[in-house]
N, C-alpha and C. Protein backbone atom coordinates (compact mmCIF):
# COMPACT_ATOMS: atom_id res chain seq x y z
N MET A 1 -0.17 6.15 -11.39
CA MET A 1 0.27 6.90 -10.23
C MET A 1 1.16 6.00 -9.37
N THR A 2 2.14 6.61 -8.70
CA THR A 2 3.08 5.88 -7.86
C THR A 2 2.87 6.25 -6.40
N VAL A 3 3.02 5.25 -5.52
CA VAL A 3 2.91 5.49 -4.09
C VAL A 3 4.13 6.31 -3.67
N THR A 4 3.91 7.54 -3.23
CA THR A 4 5.03 8.38 -2.78
C THR A 4 4.82 8.86 -1.36
N ALA A 5 3.57 9.07 -0.97
CA ALA A 5 3.29 9.55 0.38
C ALA A 5 3.30 8.37 1.35
N ALA A 6 3.47 8.69 2.62
CA ALA A 6 3.43 7.64 3.64
C ALA A 6 2.02 7.04 3.68
N LEU A 7 1.97 5.74 3.79
CA LEU A 7 0.68 5.06 3.89
C LEU A 7 0.13 5.21 5.30
N SER A 8 -1.16 5.12 5.42
CA SER A 8 -1.78 5.18 6.74
C SER A 8 -1.44 3.89 7.50
N PRO A 9 -1.49 3.94 8.83
CA PRO A 9 -1.26 2.71 9.61
C PRO A 9 -2.24 1.60 9.22
N THR A 10 -3.47 1.97 8.87
CA THR A 10 -4.45 0.95 8.45
C THR A 10 -4.01 0.29 7.15
N ASP A 11 -3.56 1.10 6.19
CA ASP A 11 -3.07 0.53 4.92
C ASP A 11 -1.84 -0.34 5.16
N GLY A 12 -0.97 0.10 6.05
CA GLY A 12 0.23 -0.68 6.35
C GLY A 12 -0.07 -2.01 6.99
N ARG A 13 -0.99 -1.99 7.96
CA ARG A 13 -1.39 -3.27 8.59
C ARG A 13 -2.02 -4.20 7.56
N PHE A 14 -2.81 -3.63 6.66
CA PHE A 14 -3.43 -4.44 5.61
C PHE A 14 -2.35 -5.08 4.74
N LEU A 15 -1.34 -4.31 4.35
CA LEU A 15 -0.26 -4.85 3.50
C LEU A 15 0.49 -5.98 4.19
N ALA A 16 0.82 -5.78 5.46
CA ALA A 16 1.54 -6.82 6.20
C ALA A 16 0.68 -8.08 6.33
N ARG A 17 -0.60 -7.91 6.61
CA ARG A 17 -1.51 -9.06 6.70
C ARG A 17 -1.65 -9.73 5.33
N LEU A 18 -1.69 -8.93 4.26
CA LEU A 18 -1.78 -9.47 2.91
C LEU A 18 -0.55 -10.33 2.60
N ALA A 19 0.64 -9.86 2.98
CA ALA A 19 1.87 -10.65 2.76
C ALA A 19 1.80 -11.96 3.53
N ALA A 20 1.34 -11.91 4.79
CA ALA A 20 1.20 -13.13 5.59
C ALA A 20 0.17 -14.07 4.96
N ASP A 21 -0.93 -13.50 4.49
CA ASP A 21 -1.97 -14.33 3.84
C ASP A 21 -1.44 -14.99 2.57
N ALA A 22 -0.57 -14.28 1.83
CA ALA A 22 0.02 -14.86 0.62
C ALA A 22 0.91 -16.06 0.97
N VAL A 23 1.68 -15.94 2.04
CA VAL A 23 2.52 -17.06 2.48
C VAL A 23 1.64 -18.23 2.92
N HIS A 24 0.61 -17.92 3.70
CA HIS A 24 -0.32 -18.96 4.17
C HIS A 24 -0.98 -19.67 2.99
N ALA A 25 -1.43 -18.90 2.01
CA ALA A 25 -2.08 -19.50 0.84
C ALA A 25 -1.12 -20.42 0.08
N ARG A 26 0.13 -20.00 -0.06
CA ARG A 26 1.11 -20.83 -0.77
C ARG A 26 1.40 -22.11 0.02
N LEU A 27 1.47 -22.01 1.33
CA LEU A 27 1.76 -23.19 2.16
C LEU A 27 0.60 -24.19 2.19
N THR A 28 -0.62 -23.69 2.10
CA THR A 28 -1.80 -24.56 2.24
C THR A 28 -2.46 -24.91 0.91
N GLY A 29 -2.04 -24.23 -0.16
CA GLY A 29 -2.68 -24.46 -1.46
C GLY A 29 -4.02 -23.75 -1.59
N ALA A 30 -4.32 -22.85 -0.65
CA ALA A 30 -5.57 -22.11 -0.69
C ALA A 30 -5.48 -20.97 -1.71
N ARG A 31 -6.63 -20.41 -2.03
CA ARG A 31 -6.68 -19.28 -2.96
C ARG A 31 -6.59 -17.99 -2.15
N LEU A 32 -5.75 -17.08 -2.59
CA LEU A 32 -5.62 -15.79 -1.92
C LEU A 32 -6.69 -14.86 -2.44
N ALA A 33 -7.50 -14.35 -1.55
CA ALA A 33 -8.56 -13.42 -1.94
C ALA A 33 -8.41 -12.15 -1.11
N ALA A 34 -8.15 -11.04 -1.78
CA ALA A 34 -8.02 -9.76 -1.09
C ALA A 34 -8.82 -8.72 -1.86
N ARG A 35 -9.64 -8.00 -1.15
CA ARG A 35 -10.43 -6.94 -1.78
C ARG A 35 -9.77 -5.60 -1.51
N ILE A 36 -9.35 -4.96 -2.58
CA ILE A 36 -8.71 -3.66 -2.49
C ILE A 36 -9.72 -2.61 -2.95
N PRO A 37 -10.09 -1.66 -2.11
CA PRO A 37 -11.04 -0.63 -2.54
C PRO A 37 -10.54 0.12 -3.78
N PRO A 38 -11.44 0.54 -4.66
CA PRO A 38 -11.04 1.19 -5.91
C PRO A 38 -10.18 2.44 -5.72
N ASP A 39 -10.41 3.19 -4.64
CA ASP A 39 -9.67 4.44 -4.44
C ASP A 39 -8.48 4.28 -3.49
N SER A 40 -8.11 3.06 -3.17
CA SER A 40 -7.03 2.80 -2.22
C SER A 40 -5.67 3.15 -2.82
N PRO A 41 -4.76 3.77 -2.02
CA PRO A 41 -3.40 4.00 -2.51
C PRO A 41 -2.64 2.70 -2.75
N LEU A 42 -3.15 1.58 -2.24
CA LEU A 42 -2.50 0.28 -2.47
C LEU A 42 -2.63 -0.16 -3.92
N ARG A 43 -3.51 0.50 -4.68
CA ARG A 43 -3.65 0.22 -6.11
C ARG A 43 -2.65 1.00 -6.95
N ASP A 44 -2.00 1.99 -6.33
CA ASP A 44 -0.98 2.76 -7.05
C ASP A 44 0.29 1.94 -7.16
N ASP A 45 1.09 2.18 -8.19
CA ASP A 45 2.35 1.47 -8.35
C ASP A 45 3.26 1.77 -7.16
N GLY A 46 3.96 0.75 -6.69
CA GLY A 46 4.86 0.93 -5.56
C GLY A 46 5.91 -0.15 -5.52
N ALA A 47 6.97 0.11 -4.77
CA ALA A 47 8.07 -0.84 -4.60
C ALA A 47 8.12 -1.29 -3.15
N SER A 48 8.37 -2.56 -2.95
CA SER A 48 8.37 -3.11 -1.60
C SER A 48 9.39 -4.23 -1.44
N PHE A 49 9.72 -4.49 -0.19
CA PHE A 49 10.48 -5.69 0.18
C PHE A 49 9.64 -6.43 1.21
N VAL A 50 9.67 -7.75 1.14
CA VAL A 50 9.03 -8.57 2.16
C VAL A 50 10.12 -9.40 2.82
N THR A 51 10.18 -9.30 4.14
CA THR A 51 11.16 -10.04 4.94
C THR A 51 10.42 -11.05 5.80
N LEU A 52 10.87 -12.29 5.76
CA LEU A 52 10.30 -13.37 6.57
C LEU A 52 11.36 -13.82 7.57
N GLU A 53 11.00 -13.86 8.85
CA GLU A 53 11.91 -14.32 9.89
C GLU A 53 11.20 -15.32 10.78
N ARG A 54 11.95 -16.33 11.20
CA ARG A 54 11.42 -17.31 12.15
C ARG A 54 12.26 -17.22 13.41
N ALA A 55 11.63 -16.79 14.50
CA ALA A 55 12.32 -16.64 15.79
C ALA A 55 13.59 -15.82 15.63
N GLY A 56 13.53 -14.74 14.83
CA GLY A 56 14.66 -13.84 14.64
C GLY A 56 15.64 -14.25 13.57
N ALA A 57 15.51 -15.46 13.01
CA ALA A 57 16.41 -15.92 11.95
C ALA A 57 15.79 -15.63 10.59
N LEU A 58 16.59 -15.08 9.69
CA LEU A 58 16.10 -14.75 8.36
C LEU A 58 15.69 -16.00 7.60
N ARG A 59 14.48 -15.97 7.03
CA ARG A 59 13.98 -17.08 6.22
C ARG A 59 13.77 -16.65 4.77
N GLY A 60 13.82 -15.35 4.52
CA GLY A 60 13.69 -14.86 3.16
C GLY A 60 13.54 -13.35 3.16
N CYS A 61 14.12 -12.70 2.16
CA CYS A 61 13.96 -11.26 1.99
C CYS A 61 14.10 -10.96 0.50
N VAL A 62 12.99 -10.55 -0.11
CA VAL A 62 12.97 -10.31 -1.55
C VAL A 62 12.15 -9.06 -1.80
N GLY A 63 12.56 -8.28 -2.81
CA GLY A 63 11.79 -7.08 -3.10
C GLY A 63 12.12 -6.47 -4.44
N THR A 64 11.50 -5.32 -4.65
CA THR A 64 11.71 -4.54 -5.86
C THR A 64 12.16 -3.15 -5.44
N LEU A 65 12.99 -2.54 -6.24
CA LEU A 65 13.52 -1.21 -5.93
C LEU A 65 12.81 -0.10 -6.67
N GLU A 66 12.15 -0.43 -7.76
CA GLU A 66 11.42 0.55 -8.56
C GLU A 66 9.98 0.10 -8.69
N PRO A 67 9.03 1.04 -8.66
CA PRO A 67 7.62 0.67 -8.84
C PRO A 67 7.37 0.12 -10.25
N VAL A 68 6.81 -1.07 -10.34
CA VAL A 68 6.51 -1.67 -11.64
C VAL A 68 5.06 -2.17 -11.74
N CYS A 69 4.37 -2.23 -10.60
CA CYS A 69 2.99 -2.71 -10.59
C CYS A 69 2.30 -2.17 -9.34
N PRO A 70 0.98 -2.36 -9.23
CA PRO A 70 0.29 -1.89 -8.02
C PRO A 70 0.95 -2.45 -6.76
N LEU A 71 1.04 -1.61 -5.74
CA LEU A 71 1.74 -1.98 -4.51
C LEU A 71 1.20 -3.27 -3.91
N HIS A 72 -0.11 -3.44 -3.86
CA HIS A 72 -0.65 -4.66 -3.25
C HIS A 72 -0.18 -5.90 -4.00
N ARG A 73 -0.09 -5.82 -5.32
CA ARG A 73 0.39 -6.96 -6.12
C ARG A 73 1.89 -7.17 -5.91
N ASP A 74 2.64 -6.09 -5.82
CA ASP A 74 4.08 -6.18 -5.58
C ASP A 74 4.36 -6.90 -4.26
N VAL A 75 3.59 -6.56 -3.23
CA VAL A 75 3.77 -7.19 -1.91
C VAL A 75 3.46 -8.69 -1.98
N VAL A 76 2.38 -9.06 -2.63
CA VAL A 76 2.03 -10.49 -2.75
C VAL A 76 3.13 -11.25 -3.50
N GLN A 77 3.58 -10.70 -4.62
CA GLN A 77 4.63 -11.37 -5.40
C GLN A 77 5.91 -11.51 -4.60
N ASN A 78 6.29 -10.46 -3.88
CA ASN A 78 7.52 -10.52 -3.10
C ASN A 78 7.41 -11.47 -1.91
N ALA A 79 6.22 -11.56 -1.31
CA ALA A 79 6.03 -12.51 -0.21
C ALA A 79 6.23 -13.94 -0.71
N MET A 80 5.67 -14.25 -1.86
CA MET A 80 5.81 -15.61 -2.41
C MET A 80 7.25 -15.89 -2.84
N ARG A 81 7.89 -14.89 -3.41
CA ARG A 81 9.30 -15.06 -3.81
C ARG A 81 10.20 -15.21 -2.59
N ALA A 82 9.89 -14.47 -1.49
CA ALA A 82 10.71 -14.56 -0.28
C ALA A 82 10.67 -15.95 0.33
N MET A 83 9.59 -16.69 0.10
CA MET A 83 9.49 -18.06 0.60
C MET A 83 10.55 -18.97 -0.01
N ASN A 84 11.06 -18.57 -1.18
CA ASN A 84 12.07 -19.37 -1.88
C ASN A 84 13.31 -18.53 -2.17
N ASP A 85 13.70 -17.71 -1.19
CA ASP A 85 14.91 -16.91 -1.32
C ASP A 85 16.05 -17.87 -1.65
N PRO A 86 16.75 -17.66 -2.77
CA PRO A 86 17.78 -18.62 -3.18
C PRO A 86 18.94 -18.77 -2.20
N ARG A 87 19.07 -17.84 -1.27
CA ARG A 87 20.16 -17.92 -0.29
C ARG A 87 19.84 -18.85 0.87
N LEU A 88 18.57 -19.28 0.99
CA LEU A 88 18.11 -20.01 2.17
C LEU A 88 17.22 -21.19 1.78
N PRO A 89 17.04 -22.15 2.70
CA PRO A 89 16.08 -23.23 2.42
C PRO A 89 14.66 -22.65 2.31
N PRO A 90 13.79 -23.27 1.52
CA PRO A 90 12.42 -22.77 1.36
C PRO A 90 11.66 -22.74 2.69
N VAL A 91 10.75 -21.78 2.81
CA VAL A 91 9.86 -21.70 3.96
C VAL A 91 8.87 -22.85 3.88
N THR A 92 8.61 -23.50 5.03
CA THR A 92 7.70 -24.65 5.07
C THR A 92 6.62 -24.42 6.12
N VAL A 93 5.68 -25.35 6.20
CA VAL A 93 4.62 -25.26 7.20
C VAL A 93 5.19 -25.29 8.62
N LEU A 94 6.36 -25.87 8.80
CA LEU A 94 6.99 -25.89 10.13
C LEU A 94 7.44 -24.50 10.57
N ASP A 95 7.72 -23.62 9.61
CA ASP A 95 8.12 -22.24 9.93
C ASP A 95 6.92 -21.40 10.36
N TRP A 96 5.74 -21.71 9.84
CA TRP A 96 4.57 -20.85 9.97
C TRP A 96 4.24 -20.40 11.40
N PRO A 97 4.21 -21.26 12.41
CA PRO A 97 3.79 -20.79 13.74
C PRO A 97 4.66 -19.67 14.31
N ALA A 98 5.93 -19.63 13.97
CA ALA A 98 6.85 -18.61 14.51
C ALA A 98 7.29 -17.60 13.45
N LEU A 99 6.57 -17.54 12.32
CA LEU A 99 7.01 -16.69 11.21
C LEU A 99 6.53 -15.25 11.40
N ASP A 100 7.48 -14.33 11.41
CA ASP A 100 7.19 -12.90 11.44
C ASP A 100 7.32 -12.37 10.02
N VAL A 101 6.38 -11.52 9.61
CA VAL A 101 6.34 -10.98 8.26
C VAL A 101 6.49 -9.47 8.34
N LYS A 102 7.45 -8.94 7.60
CA LYS A 102 7.67 -7.50 7.58
C LYS A 102 7.58 -7.01 6.13
N VAL A 103 6.83 -5.95 5.91
CA VAL A 103 6.73 -5.32 4.60
C VAL A 103 7.37 -3.94 4.70
N SER A 104 8.32 -3.67 3.83
CA SER A 104 8.96 -2.35 3.74
C SER A 104 8.50 -1.71 2.44
N VAL A 105 7.84 -0.57 2.53
CA VAL A 105 7.41 0.18 1.35
C VAL A 105 8.46 1.25 1.09
N LEU A 106 9.02 1.24 -0.12
CA LEU A 106 10.17 2.08 -0.45
C LEU A 106 9.74 3.38 -1.13
N SER A 107 10.47 4.45 -0.81
CA SER A 107 10.31 5.69 -1.56
C SER A 107 11.07 5.55 -2.89
N HIS A 108 10.88 6.50 -3.77
CA HIS A 108 11.60 6.48 -5.05
C HIS A 108 13.09 6.73 -4.78
N PRO A 109 14.00 5.93 -5.35
CA PRO A 109 15.43 6.13 -5.12
C PRO A 109 15.90 7.51 -5.61
N GLU A 110 16.78 8.11 -4.83
CA GLU A 110 17.35 9.42 -5.13
C GLU A 110 18.85 9.24 -5.37
N PRO A 111 19.33 9.57 -6.58
CA PRO A 111 20.77 9.40 -6.85
C PRO A 111 21.64 10.19 -5.87
N ILE A 112 22.77 9.59 -5.51
CA ILE A 112 23.78 10.27 -4.70
C ILE A 112 24.93 10.60 -5.63
N PRO A 113 25.19 11.89 -5.88
CA PRO A 113 26.34 12.23 -6.72
C PRO A 113 27.61 11.71 -6.04
N SER A 114 28.29 10.81 -6.71
CA SER A 114 29.44 10.19 -6.05
C SER A 114 30.53 9.85 -7.05
N THR A 115 31.74 10.19 -6.67
CA THR A 115 32.91 9.75 -7.42
C THR A 115 33.84 8.95 -6.52
N SER A 116 33.40 8.81 -5.26
CA SER A 116 34.23 8.06 -4.32
C SER A 116 33.36 7.46 -3.22
N ARG A 117 33.94 6.51 -2.54
CA ARG A 117 33.28 5.90 -1.39
C ARG A 117 33.01 6.96 -0.31
N ALA A 118 33.95 7.89 -0.13
CA ALA A 118 33.81 8.93 0.89
C ALA A 118 32.58 9.80 0.59
N ASP A 119 32.31 10.07 -0.69
CA ASP A 119 31.12 10.86 -1.06
C ASP A 119 29.85 10.17 -0.59
N VAL A 120 29.77 8.86 -0.82
CA VAL A 120 28.58 8.10 -0.44
C VAL A 120 28.44 8.05 1.08
N VAL A 121 29.53 7.75 1.76
CA VAL A 121 29.51 7.69 3.22
C VAL A 121 29.03 9.02 3.80
N ALA A 122 29.53 10.13 3.26
CA ALA A 122 29.17 11.46 3.78
C ALA A 122 27.70 11.79 3.52
N ALA A 123 27.13 11.26 2.44
CA ALA A 123 25.75 11.59 2.07
C ALA A 123 24.71 10.78 2.85
N LEU A 124 25.12 9.67 3.44
CA LEU A 124 24.16 8.79 4.11
C LEU A 124 23.65 9.35 5.42
N ARG A 125 22.38 9.09 5.68
CA ARG A 125 21.76 9.44 6.96
C ARG A 125 21.54 8.13 7.72
N PRO A 126 22.43 7.82 8.69
CA PRO A 126 22.31 6.56 9.41
C PRO A 126 20.93 6.40 10.05
N GLY A 127 20.41 5.18 9.93
CA GLY A 127 19.11 4.88 10.49
C GLY A 127 17.95 5.26 9.61
N GLN A 128 18.19 6.04 8.56
CA GLN A 128 17.11 6.51 7.68
C GLN A 128 17.21 5.99 6.25
N ASP A 129 18.43 5.98 5.72
CA ASP A 129 18.60 5.69 4.29
C ASP A 129 18.83 4.21 4.00
N GLY A 130 18.12 3.71 2.99
CA GLY A 130 18.50 2.49 2.33
C GLY A 130 19.49 2.88 1.24
N LEU A 131 20.32 1.97 0.81
CA LEU A 131 21.35 2.29 -0.18
C LEU A 131 21.34 1.27 -1.30
N ILE A 132 21.41 1.77 -2.52
CA ILE A 132 21.53 0.93 -3.72
C ILE A 132 22.86 1.25 -4.37
N LEU A 133 23.63 0.24 -4.71
CA LEU A 133 24.82 0.39 -5.53
C LEU A 133 24.60 -0.40 -6.81
N HIS A 134 24.97 0.18 -7.96
CA HIS A 134 24.84 -0.56 -9.22
C HIS A 134 25.92 -0.11 -10.19
N SER A 135 26.32 -1.05 -11.04
CA SER A 135 27.40 -0.78 -12.00
C SER A 135 26.96 -1.16 -13.40
N ASP A 136 27.76 -0.73 -14.37
CA ASP A 136 27.42 -0.94 -15.78
C ASP A 136 27.35 -2.41 -16.18
N ASP A 137 27.99 -3.29 -15.42
CA ASP A 137 27.97 -4.71 -15.77
C ASP A 137 26.69 -5.41 -15.29
N GLY A 138 25.75 -4.63 -14.75
CA GLY A 138 24.45 -5.19 -14.34
C GLY A 138 24.38 -5.60 -12.89
N ARG A 139 25.50 -5.54 -12.16
CA ARG A 139 25.45 -5.88 -10.74
C ARG A 139 24.71 -4.79 -9.97
N ARG A 140 23.94 -5.24 -8.98
CA ARG A 140 23.21 -4.31 -8.14
C ARG A 140 23.05 -4.94 -6.77
N ALA A 141 23.19 -4.13 -5.73
CA ALA A 141 23.02 -4.60 -4.36
C ALA A 141 22.37 -3.49 -3.54
N THR A 142 21.60 -3.89 -2.55
CA THR A 142 20.95 -2.91 -1.69
C THR A 142 20.94 -3.37 -0.25
N PHE A 143 20.89 -2.41 0.64
CA PHE A 143 20.60 -2.62 2.05
C PHE A 143 19.40 -1.77 2.39
N LEU A 144 18.39 -2.37 3.01
CA LEU A 144 17.25 -1.62 3.52
C LEU A 144 17.69 -0.76 4.70
N PRO A 145 16.94 0.30 5.01
CA PRO A 145 17.28 1.11 6.19
C PRO A 145 17.35 0.30 7.48
N SER A 146 16.61 -0.80 7.56
CA SER A 146 16.63 -1.62 8.78
C SER A 146 17.99 -2.25 9.05
N VAL A 147 18.87 -2.31 8.04
CA VAL A 147 20.21 -2.90 8.23
C VAL A 147 21.05 -2.03 9.18
N TRP A 148 20.70 -0.74 9.31
CA TRP A 148 21.43 0.12 10.24
C TRP A 148 21.38 -0.42 11.67
N ALA A 149 20.35 -1.19 11.99
CA ALA A 149 20.26 -1.76 13.34
C ALA A 149 21.39 -2.75 13.61
N LYS A 150 21.94 -3.32 12.54
CA LYS A 150 23.03 -4.29 12.69
C LYS A 150 24.39 -3.68 12.36
N VAL A 151 24.41 -2.70 11.45
CA VAL A 151 25.65 -2.03 11.03
C VAL A 151 25.41 -0.53 11.14
N ASP A 152 25.78 0.05 12.29
CA ASP A 152 25.40 1.44 12.54
C ASP A 152 26.43 2.48 12.12
N ASP A 153 27.56 2.05 11.59
CA ASP A 153 28.60 2.97 11.14
C ASP A 153 28.52 3.12 9.61
N PRO A 154 28.39 4.35 9.07
CA PRO A 154 28.26 4.53 7.62
C PRO A 154 29.39 3.90 6.82
N GLU A 155 30.61 4.01 7.31
CA GLU A 155 31.76 3.44 6.61
C GLU A 155 31.62 1.91 6.50
N LEU A 156 31.24 1.27 7.60
CA LEU A 156 31.06 -0.19 7.59
C LEU A 156 29.83 -0.59 6.79
N PHE A 157 28.79 0.24 6.81
CA PHE A 157 27.56 -0.01 6.04
C PHE A 157 27.89 -0.10 4.55
N VAL A 158 28.65 0.91 4.06
CA VAL A 158 29.03 0.93 2.64
C VAL A 158 29.98 -0.23 2.33
N ALA A 159 30.94 -0.49 3.20
CA ALA A 159 31.88 -1.59 2.97
C ALA A 159 31.15 -2.93 2.86
N ALA A 160 30.17 -3.15 3.74
CA ALA A 160 29.42 -4.41 3.72
C ALA A 160 28.60 -4.53 2.44
N LEU A 161 28.06 -3.43 1.96
CA LEU A 161 27.27 -3.48 0.72
C LEU A 161 28.17 -3.70 -0.49
N LEU A 162 29.36 -3.12 -0.48
CA LEU A 162 30.32 -3.40 -1.56
C LEU A 162 30.65 -4.89 -1.60
N ARG A 163 30.88 -5.49 -0.42
CA ARG A 163 31.16 -6.94 -0.37
C ARG A 163 29.97 -7.72 -0.90
N LYS A 164 28.78 -7.34 -0.45
CA LYS A 164 27.58 -8.06 -0.89
C LYS A 164 27.45 -8.04 -2.41
N GLY A 165 27.77 -6.91 -3.04
CA GLY A 165 27.66 -6.78 -4.49
C GLY A 165 28.84 -7.33 -5.26
N GLY A 166 29.90 -7.73 -4.56
CA GLY A 166 31.07 -8.30 -5.22
C GLY A 166 32.04 -7.27 -5.76
N TRP A 167 31.98 -6.03 -5.25
CA TRP A 167 32.92 -4.99 -5.67
C TRP A 167 34.08 -4.91 -4.69
N PRO A 168 35.23 -4.39 -5.15
CA PRO A 168 36.37 -4.24 -4.23
C PRO A 168 36.05 -3.16 -3.19
N GLU A 169 36.55 -3.35 -1.99
CA GLU A 169 36.31 -2.38 -0.92
C GLU A 169 37.27 -1.20 -0.99
N GLY A 170 38.34 -1.33 -1.73
CA GLY A 170 39.34 -0.25 -1.79
C GLY A 170 38.93 0.85 -2.75
N ALA A 171 39.45 0.78 -3.96
CA ALA A 171 39.18 1.82 -4.96
C ALA A 171 37.72 1.77 -5.40
N TRP A 172 37.12 2.94 -5.55
CA TRP A 172 35.73 3.06 -6.01
C TRP A 172 35.71 2.87 -7.52
N PRO A 173 35.05 1.82 -8.04
CA PRO A 173 35.01 1.62 -9.49
C PRO A 173 34.39 2.82 -10.20
N PRO A 174 34.93 3.24 -11.34
CA PRO A 174 34.42 4.44 -12.01
C PRO A 174 32.98 4.32 -12.50
N ASP A 175 32.50 3.10 -12.73
CA ASP A 175 31.13 2.93 -13.21
C ASP A 175 30.13 2.67 -12.09
N LEU A 176 30.56 2.73 -10.84
CA LEU A 176 29.68 2.43 -9.72
C LEU A 176 28.86 3.67 -9.35
N ARG A 177 27.55 3.48 -9.28
CA ARG A 177 26.64 4.57 -8.94
C ARG A 177 25.87 4.20 -7.68
N ALA A 178 25.41 5.23 -6.97
CA ALA A 178 24.71 5.03 -5.71
C ALA A 178 23.41 5.81 -5.69
N ALA A 179 22.44 5.28 -4.97
CA ALA A 179 21.17 5.98 -4.74
C ALA A 179 20.69 5.61 -3.35
N ARG A 180 19.94 6.52 -2.75
CA ARG A 180 19.38 6.24 -1.43
C ARG A 180 17.87 6.34 -1.49
N TYR A 181 17.23 5.71 -0.51
CA TYR A 181 15.78 5.72 -0.42
C TYR A 181 15.38 5.56 1.03
N ALA A 182 14.15 5.89 1.32
CA ALA A 182 13.59 5.67 2.65
C ALA A 182 12.61 4.52 2.56
N SER A 183 12.23 3.97 3.69
CA SER A 183 11.20 2.94 3.69
C SER A 183 10.36 3.07 4.95
N THR A 184 9.13 2.62 4.83
CA THR A 184 8.24 2.55 5.97
C THR A 184 7.93 1.09 6.19
N GLU A 185 8.08 0.61 7.43
CA GLU A 185 7.91 -0.81 7.73
C GLU A 185 6.58 -1.08 8.42
N PHE A 186 6.02 -2.22 8.04
CA PHE A 186 4.78 -2.71 8.66
C PHE A 186 4.97 -4.18 8.99
N HIS A 187 4.42 -4.61 10.12
CA HIS A 187 4.68 -5.96 10.62
C HIS A 187 3.38 -6.75 10.83
N ASP A 188 3.48 -8.05 10.60
CA ASP A 188 2.46 -9.01 10.98
C ASP A 188 3.22 -10.12 11.70
N GLU A 189 3.12 -10.14 13.02
CA GLU A 189 4.00 -10.99 13.82
C GLU A 189 3.34 -12.28 14.28
N SER A 190 4.20 -13.25 14.59
CA SER A 190 3.77 -14.52 15.17
C SER A 190 3.39 -14.25 16.62
N PRO A 191 2.79 -15.19 17.34
CA PRO A 191 2.60 -16.60 16.96
C PRO A 191 1.39 -16.80 16.05
N ARG A 192 1.42 -17.93 15.34
CA ARG A 192 0.37 -18.30 14.42
C ARG A 192 -0.06 -19.74 14.70
N GLU A 193 -1.25 -20.04 14.30
CA GLU A 193 -1.75 -21.41 14.49
C GLU A 193 -0.98 -22.37 13.59
N ALA A 194 -0.59 -23.50 14.14
CA ALA A 194 0.16 -24.50 13.37
C ALA A 194 -0.67 -25.01 12.20
N LEU A 195 0.02 -25.35 11.12
CA LEU A 195 -0.63 -25.91 9.94
C LEU A 195 -0.41 -27.41 9.89
N PRO A 196 -1.33 -28.14 9.28
CA PRO A 196 -1.12 -29.60 9.13
C PRO A 196 0.14 -29.88 8.33
N THR A 197 0.88 -30.90 8.73
CA THR A 197 2.11 -31.26 8.01
C THR A 197 1.88 -32.44 7.10
């Protein structure tokens, strides 16, 4: 079964805390122990992104776009991977006291019929849709719905994602496909107790 319905606030807080606990365990060498009830929707397959920020600065953002494993496991794996986001220096114990952890649980992607950039721009719901672009050569790029807070114009949103994926901003490549998705965000915010260095 796949997570498709909105999670309860309790489940969401648990996921965000679980992501923070995974980071803490990796930083301290402790064992991560989480008990997931047998009937919990967190045991259903789901896709998530985990974003780590220190005092508002991005420290890592890694996720999955398609459900491939139970949601609770996906969140733990993405939290640990976000600590070593290849675009940024690794997260360290010095980041921990001010580290904010955000978990975005994604809906199943919905294809956008598109033969042009204008089609995609017209189909987007600003503030609601995440966007995935992918081409036959294996390139893929996405923006979470939270990116609308920084880029609120659909035309600029699509242009920035084309740049991120390495596609030309002018002509729409014939093999480029688009899909949109929604996400629900859950937070586990700082401050946190300092860890030994």
